């Protein structure tokens, strides 16, 4: 079964987008995902600061 996430509080830092969503248990989760073609960088974090730090320090290899 596919999970449909509703993202909120989205920002863009370079090619990386950071957003907040609720996981399946109702907890806030934060994701950082690179939108560059062929990059594939995407991670989930429990706090927003970690997701924004990952977005700022990400270097695309694509």
PDB file of N, CA and C in Angstrom:
ATOM      1  N   UNK A   1       0.837  -1.171   0.000  1.00  0.00           N
ATOM      2  CA  UNK A   1       0.000   0.000   0.000  1.00  0.00           C
ATOM      3  C   UNK A   1       0.890   1.244   0.000  1.00  0.00           C
ATOM      4  N   UNK A   2       0.562   2.199  -0.824  1.00  0.00           N
ATOM      5  CA  UNK A   2       1.342   3.416  -0.952  1.00  0.00           C
ATOM      6  C   UNK A   2       0.980   4.405   0.150  1.00  0.00           C
ATOM      7  N   UNK A   3       1.999   5.064   0.675  1.00  0.00           N
ATOM      8  CA  UNK A   3       1.788   6.089   1.697  1.00  0.00           C
ATOM      9  C   UNK A   3       1.673   7.444   1.004  1.00  0.00           C
ATOM     10  N   UNK A   4       0.606   8.161   1.291  1.00  0.00           N
ATOM     11  CA  UNK A   4       0.428   9.503   0.739  1.00  0.00           C
ATOM     12  C   UNK A   4       0.757  10.505   1.835  1.00  0.00           C
ATOM     13  N   UNK A   5       1.866  11.200   1.656  1.00  0.00           N
ATOM     14  CA  UNK A   5       2.289  12.181   2.655  1.00  0.00           C
ATOM     15  C   UNK A   5       1.846  13.570   2.234  1.00  0.00           C
ATOM     16  N   UNK A   6       1.355  14.332   3.181  1.00  0.00           N
ATOM     17  CA  UNK A   6       0.976  15.714   2.932  1.00  0.00           C
ATOM     18  C   UNK A   6       2.058  16.592   3.548  1.00  0.00           C
ATOM     19  N   UNK A   7       2.881  17.187   2.700  1.00  0.00           N
ATOM     20  CA  UNK A   7       3.991  18.001   3.170  1.00  0.00           C
ATOM     21  C   UNK A   7       3.522  19.410   3.474  1.00  0.00           C
ATOM     22  N   UNK A   8       4.122  20.001   4.507  1.00  0.00           N
ATOM     23  CA  UNK A   8       3.820  21.378   4.887  1.00  0.00           C
ATOM     24  C   UNK A   8       5.121  22.057   5.286  1.00  0.00           C
ATOM     25  N   UNK A   9       5.084  23.355   5.389  1.00  0.00           N
ATOM     26  CA  UNK A   9       6.241  24.147   5.805  1.00  0.00           C
ATOM     27  C   UNK A   9       7.459  23.822   4.944  1.00  0.00           C
ATOM     28  N   UNK A  10       7.286  23.949   3.631  1.00  0.00           N
ATOM     29  CA  UNK A  10       8.352  23.618   2.693  1.00  0.00           C
ATOM     30  C   UNK A  10       9.255  24.818   2.440  1.00  0.00           C
ATOM     31  N   UNK A  11      10.560  24.563   2.377  1.00  0.00           N
ATOM     32  CA  UNK A  11      11.531  25.581   1.967  1.00  0.00           C
ATOM     33  C   UNK A  11      12.502  24.930   0.993  1.00  0.00           C
ATOM     34  N   UNK A  12      13.206  25.766   0.253  1.00  0.00           N
ATOM     35  CA  UNK A  12      14.188  25.276  -0.707  1.00  0.00           C
ATOM     36  C   UNK A  12      15.540  25.889  -0.366  1.00  0.00           C
ATOM     37  N   UNK A  13      16.557  25.042  -0.236  1.00  0.00           N
ATOM     38  CA  UNK A  13      17.924  25.486   0.019  1.00  0.00           C
ATOM     39  C   UNK A  13      18.769  24.936  -1.118  1.00  0.00           C
ATOM     40  N   UNK A  14      19.070  25.783  -2.094  1.00  0.00           N
ATOM     41  CA  UNK A  14      19.755  25.307  -3.294  1.00  0.00           C
ATOM     42  C   UNK A  14      18.848  24.336  -4.027  1.00  0.00           C
ATOM     43  N   UNK A  15      19.378  23.177  -4.431  1.00  0.00           N
ATOM     44  CA  UNK A  15      18.533  22.195  -5.119  1.00  0.00           C
ATOM     45  C   UNK A  15      17.748  21.299  -4.160  1.00  0.00           C
ATOM     46  N   UNK A  16      17.935  21.483  -2.851  1.00  0.00           N
ATOM     47  CA  UNK A  16      17.324  20.593  -1.857  1.00  0.00           C
ATOM     48  C   UNK A  16      16.066  21.236  -1.273  1.00  0.00           C
ATOM     49  N   UNK A  17      14.999  20.451  -1.191  1.00  0.00           N
ATOM     50  CA  UNK A  17      13.773  20.903  -0.546  1.00  0.00           C
ATOM     51  C   UNK A  17      13.664  20.255   0.823  1.00  0.00           C
ATOM     52  N   UNK A  18      13.269  21.057   1.809  1.00  0.00           N
ATOM     53  CA  UNK A  18      13.056  20.576   3.173  1.00  0.00           C
ATOM     54  C   UNK A  18      11.573  20.760   3.484  1.00  0.00           C
ATOM     55  N   UNK A  19      10.947  19.716   4.028  1.00  0.00           N
ATOM     56  CA  UNK A  19       9.511  19.778   4.324  1.00  0.00           C
ATOM     57  C   UNK A  19       9.198  18.985   5.585  1.00  0.00           C
ATOM     58  N   UNK A  20       8.052  19.293   6.185  1.00  0.00           N
ATOM     59  CA  UNK A  20       7.577  18.622   7.390  1.00  0.00           C
ATOM     60  C   UNK A  20       6.321  17.833   7.051  1.00  0.00           C
ATOM     61  N   UNK A  21       6.182  16.657   7.657  1.00  0.00           N
ATOM     62  CA  UNK A  21       4.991  15.830   7.456  1.00  0.00           C
ATOM     63  C   UNK A  21       4.746  14.998   8.705  1.00  0.00           C
ATOM     64  N   UNK A  22       3.571  14.399   8.793  1.00  0.00           N
ATOM     65  CA  UNK A  22       3.247  13.476   9.879  1.00  0.00           C
ATOM     66  C   UNK A  22       3.524  12.060   9.405  1.00  0.00           C
ATOM     67  N   UNK A  23       4.215  11.264  10.229  1.00  0.00           N
ATOM     68  CA  UNK A  23       4.438   9.869   9.862  1.00  0.00           C
ATOM     69  C   UNK A  23       3.178   9.063  10.174  1.00  0.00           C
ATOM     70  N   UNK A  24       3.220   7.773   9.985  1.00  0.00           N
ATOM     71  CA  UNK A  24       2.052   6.927  10.184  1.00  0.00           C
ATOM     72  C   UNK A  24       1.539   6.888  11.606  1.00  0.00           C
ATOM     73  N   UNK A  25       2.361   7.317  12.561  1.00  0.00           N
ATOM     74  CA  UNK A  25       1.963   7.312  13.973  1.00  0.00           C
ATOM     75  C   UNK A  25       1.603   8.697  14.494  1.00  0.00           C
ATOM     76  N   UNK A  26       1.522   9.684  13.589  1.00  0.00           N
ATOM     77  CA  UNK A  26       1.114  11.025  13.978  1.00  0.00           C
ATOM     78  C   UNK A  26       2.223  11.912  14.493  1.00  0.00           C
ATOM     79  N   UNK A  27       3.474  11.473  14.386  1.00  0.00           N
ATOM     80  CA  UNK A  27       4.601  12.287  14.845  1.00  0.00           C
ATOM     81  C   UNK A  27       5.090  13.188  13.716  1.00  0.00           C
ATOM     82  N   UNK A  28       5.620  14.355  14.081  1.00  0.00           N
ATOM     83  CA  UNK A  28       6.242  15.235  13.092  1.00  0.00           C
ATOM     84  C   UNK A  28       7.540  14.621  12.611  1.00  0.00           C
ATOM     85  N   UNK A  29       7.716  14.563  11.298  1.00  0.00           N
ATOM     86  CA  UNK A  29       8.969  14.129  10.690  1.00  0.00           C
ATOM     87  C   UNK A  29       9.364  15.191   9.676  1.00  0.00           C
ATOM     88  N   UNK A  30      10.651  15.262   9.385  1.00  0.00           N
ATOM     89  CA  UNK A  30      11.171  16.270   8.470  1.00  0.00           C
ATOM     90  C   UNK A  30      12.025  15.563   7.432  1.00  0.00           C
ATOM     91  N   UNK A  31      11.894  15.968   6.196  1.00  0.00           N
ATOM     92  CA  UNK A  31      12.635  15.329   5.123  1.00  0.00           C
ATOM     93  C   UNK A  31      13.418  16.365   4.338  1.00  0.00           C
ATOM     94  N   UNK A  32      14.565  15.941   3.823  1.00  0.00           N
ATOM     95  CA  UNK A  32      15.376  16.746   2.924  1.00  0.00           C
ATOM     96  C   UNK A  32      15.582  15.913   1.667  1.00  0.00           C
ATOM     97  N   UNK A  33      15.219  16.467   0.510  1.00  0.00           N
ATOM     98  CA  UNK A  33      15.315  15.728  -0.744  1.00  0.00           C
ATOM     99  C   UNK A  33      15.873  16.633  -1.831  1.00  0.00           C
ATOM    100  N   UNK A  34      16.867  16.127  -2.562  1.00  0.00           N
ATOM    101  CA  UNK A  34      17.474  16.886  -3.651  1.00  0.00           C
ATOM    102  C   UNK A  34      16.622  16.722  -4.905  1.00  0.00           C
ATOM    103  N   UNK A  35      16.382  17.833  -5.601  1.00  0.00           N
ATOM    104  CA  UNK A  35      15.543  17.810  -6.795  1.00  0.00           C
ATOM    105  C   UNK A  35      16.355  17.795  -8.077  1.00  0.00           C
ATOM    106  N   UNK A  36      17.675  17.699  -7.981  1.00  0.00           N
ATOM    107  CA  UNK A  36      18.508  17.646  -9.183  1.00  0.00           C
ATOM    108  C   UNK A  36      18.315  16.307  -9.890  1.00  0.00           C
ATOM    109  N   UNK A  37      18.272  16.310 -11.220  1.00  0.00           N
ATOM    110  CA  UNK A  37      18.077  15.053 -11.951  1.00  0.00           C
ATOM    111  C   UNK A  37      19.222  14.075 -11.696  1.00  0.00           C
ATOM    112  N   UNK A  38      18.877  12.858 -11.337  1.00  0.00           N
ATOM    113  CA  UNK A  38      19.869  11.808 -11.143  1.00  0.00           C
ATOM    114  C   UNK A  38      20.577  11.817  -9.806  1.00  0.00           C
ATOM    115  N   UNK A  39      20.221  12.695  -8.897  1.00  0.00           N
ATOM    116  CA  UNK A  39      20.921  12.764  -7.613  1.00  0.00           C
ATOM    117  C   UNK A  39      20.447  11.665  -6.665  1.00  0.00           C
ATOM    118  N   UNK A  40      19.169  11.637  -6.340  1.00  0.00           N
ATOM    119  CA  UNK A  40      18.621  10.590  -5.485  1.00  0.00           C
ATOM    120  C   UNK A  40      18.817  10.784  -3.989  1.00  0.00           C
ATOM    121  N   UNK A  41      19.280  11.950  -3.536  1.00  0.00           N
ATOM    122  CA  UNK A  41      19.478  12.217  -2.113  1.00  0.00           C
ATOM    123  C   UNK A  41      18.137  12.495  -1.446  1.00  0.00           C
ATOM    124  N   UNK A  42      17.810  11.727  -0.419  1.00  0.00           N
ATOM    125  CA  UNK A  42      16.586  11.926   0.341  1.00  0.00           C
ATOM    126  C   UNK A  42      16.752  11.284   1.708  1.00  0.00           C
ATOM    127  N   UNK A  43      16.500  12.056   2.770  1.00  0.00           N
ATOM    128  CA  UNK A  43      16.624  11.531   4.127  1.00  0.00           C
ATOM    129  C   UNK A  43      15.504  12.079   5.004  1.00  0.00           C
ATOM    130  N   UNK A  44      15.145  11.320   6.032  1.00  0.00           N
ATOM    131  CA  UNK A  44      14.134  11.727   7.001  1.00  0.00           C
ATOM    132  C   UNK A  44      14.789  11.946   8.358  1.00  0.00           C
ATOM    133  N   UNK A  45      14.316  12.970   9.075  1.00  0.00           N
ATOM    134  CA  UNK A  45      14.855  13.316  10.381  1.00  0.00           C
ATOM    135  C   UNK A  45      13.722  13.572  11.356  1.00  0.00           C
ATOM    136  N   UNK A  46      14.031  13.477  12.647  1.00  0.00           N
ATOM    137  CA  UNK A  46      13.040  13.775  13.686  1.00  0.00           C
ATOM    138  C   UNK A  46      12.954  15.257  13.989  1.00  0.00           C
ATOM    139  N   UNK A  47      14.030  16.025  13.737  1.00  0.00           N
ATOM    140  CA  UNK A  47      13.948  17.460  13.991  1.00  0.00           C
ATOM    141  C   UNK A  47      14.309  18.266  12.751  1.00  0.00           C
ATOM    142  N   UNK A  48      13.722  19.447  12.683  1.00  0.00           N
ATOM    143  CA  UNK A  48      13.841  20.320  11.511  1.00  0.00           C
ATOM    144  C   UNK A  48      15.268  20.812  11.314  1.00  0.00           C
ATOM    145  N   UNK A  49      15.975  21.099  12.399  1.00  0.00           N
ATOM    146  CA  UNK A  49      17.336  21.614  12.297  1.00  0.00           C
ATOM    147  C   UNK A  49      18.256  20.618  11.596  1.00  0.00           C
ATOM    148  N   UNK A  50      18.096  19.340  11.869  1.00  0.00           N
ATOM    149  CA  UNK A  50      18.926  18.322  11.221  1.00  0.00           C
ATOM    150  C   UNK A  50      18.639  18.253   9.726  1.00  0.00           C
ATOM    151  N   UNK A  51      17.381  18.362   9.343  1.00  0.00           N
ATOM    152  CA  UNK A  51      17.023  18.330   7.921  1.00  0.00           C
ATOM    153  C   UNK A  51      17.576  19.551   7.196  1.00  0.00           C
ATOM    154  N   UNK A  52      17.507  20.720   7.825  1.00  0.00           N
ATOM    155  CA  UNK A  52      18.041  21.924   7.197  1.00  0.00           C
ATOM    156  C   UNK A  52      19.561  21.887   7.119  1.00  0.00           C
ATOM    157  N   UNK A  53      20.216  21.330   8.126  1.00  0.00           N
ATOM    158  CA  UNK A  53      21.669  21.177   8.082  1.00  0.00           C
ATOM    159  C   UNK A  53      22.078  20.236   6.952  1.00  0.00           C
ATOM    160  N   UNK A  54      21.361  19.145   6.785  1.00  0.00           N
ATOM    161  CA  UNK A  54      21.650  18.213   5.690  1.00  0.00           C
ATOM    162  C   UNK A  54      21.471  18.899   4.341  1.00  0.00           C
ATOM    163  N   UNK A  55      20.463  19.749   4.220  1.00  0.00           N
ATOM    164  CA  UNK A  55      20.226  20.465   2.969  1.00  0.00           C
ATOM    165  C   UNK A  55      21.347  21.455   2.678  1.00  0.00           C
ATOM    166  N   UNK A  56      21.833  22.127   3.713  1.00  0.00           N
ATOM    167  CA  UNK A  56      22.897  23.119   3.510  1.00  0.00           C
ATOM    168  C   UNK A  56      24.241  22.480   3.178  1.00  0.00           C
ATOM    169  N   UNK A  57      24.500  21.291   3.683  1.00  0.00           N
ATOM    170  CA  UNK A  57      25.806  20.653   3.480  1.00  0.00           C
ATOM    171  C   UNK A  57      25.807  19.645   2.340  1.00  0.00           C
ATOM    172  N   UNK A  58      24.677  19.449   1.666  1.00  0.00           N
ATOM    173  CA  UNK A  58      24.592  18.477   0.574  1.00  0.00           C
ATOM    174  C   UNK A  58      25.336  18.974  -0.662  1.00  0.00           C
ATOM    175  N   UNK A  59      26.100  18.086  -1.272  1.00  0.00           N
ATOM    176  CA  UNK A  59      26.794  18.373  -2.530  1.00  0.00           C
ATOM    177  C   UNK A  59      26.372  17.324  -3.546  1.00  0.00           C
ATOM    178  N   UNK A  60      25.754  17.770  -4.628  1.00  0.00           N
ATOM    179  CA  UNK A  60      25.268  16.839  -5.656  1.00  0.00           C
ATOM    180  C   UNK A  60      26.428  16.202  -6.403  1.00  0.00           C
ATOM    181  N   UNK A  61      26.278  14.909  -6.659  1.00  0.00           N
ATOM    182  CA  UNK A  61      27.252  14.205  -7.484  1.00  0.00           C
ATOM    183  C   UNK A  61      26.723  14.002  -8.894  1.00  0.00           C
ATOM    184  N   UNK A  62      25.488  14.438  -9.121  1.00  0.00           N
ATOM    185  CA  UNK A  62      24.872  14.260 -10.446  1.00  0.00           C
ATOM    186  C   UNK A  62      25.312  15.354 -11.398  1.00  0.00           C
TER     187      UNK A  62
END
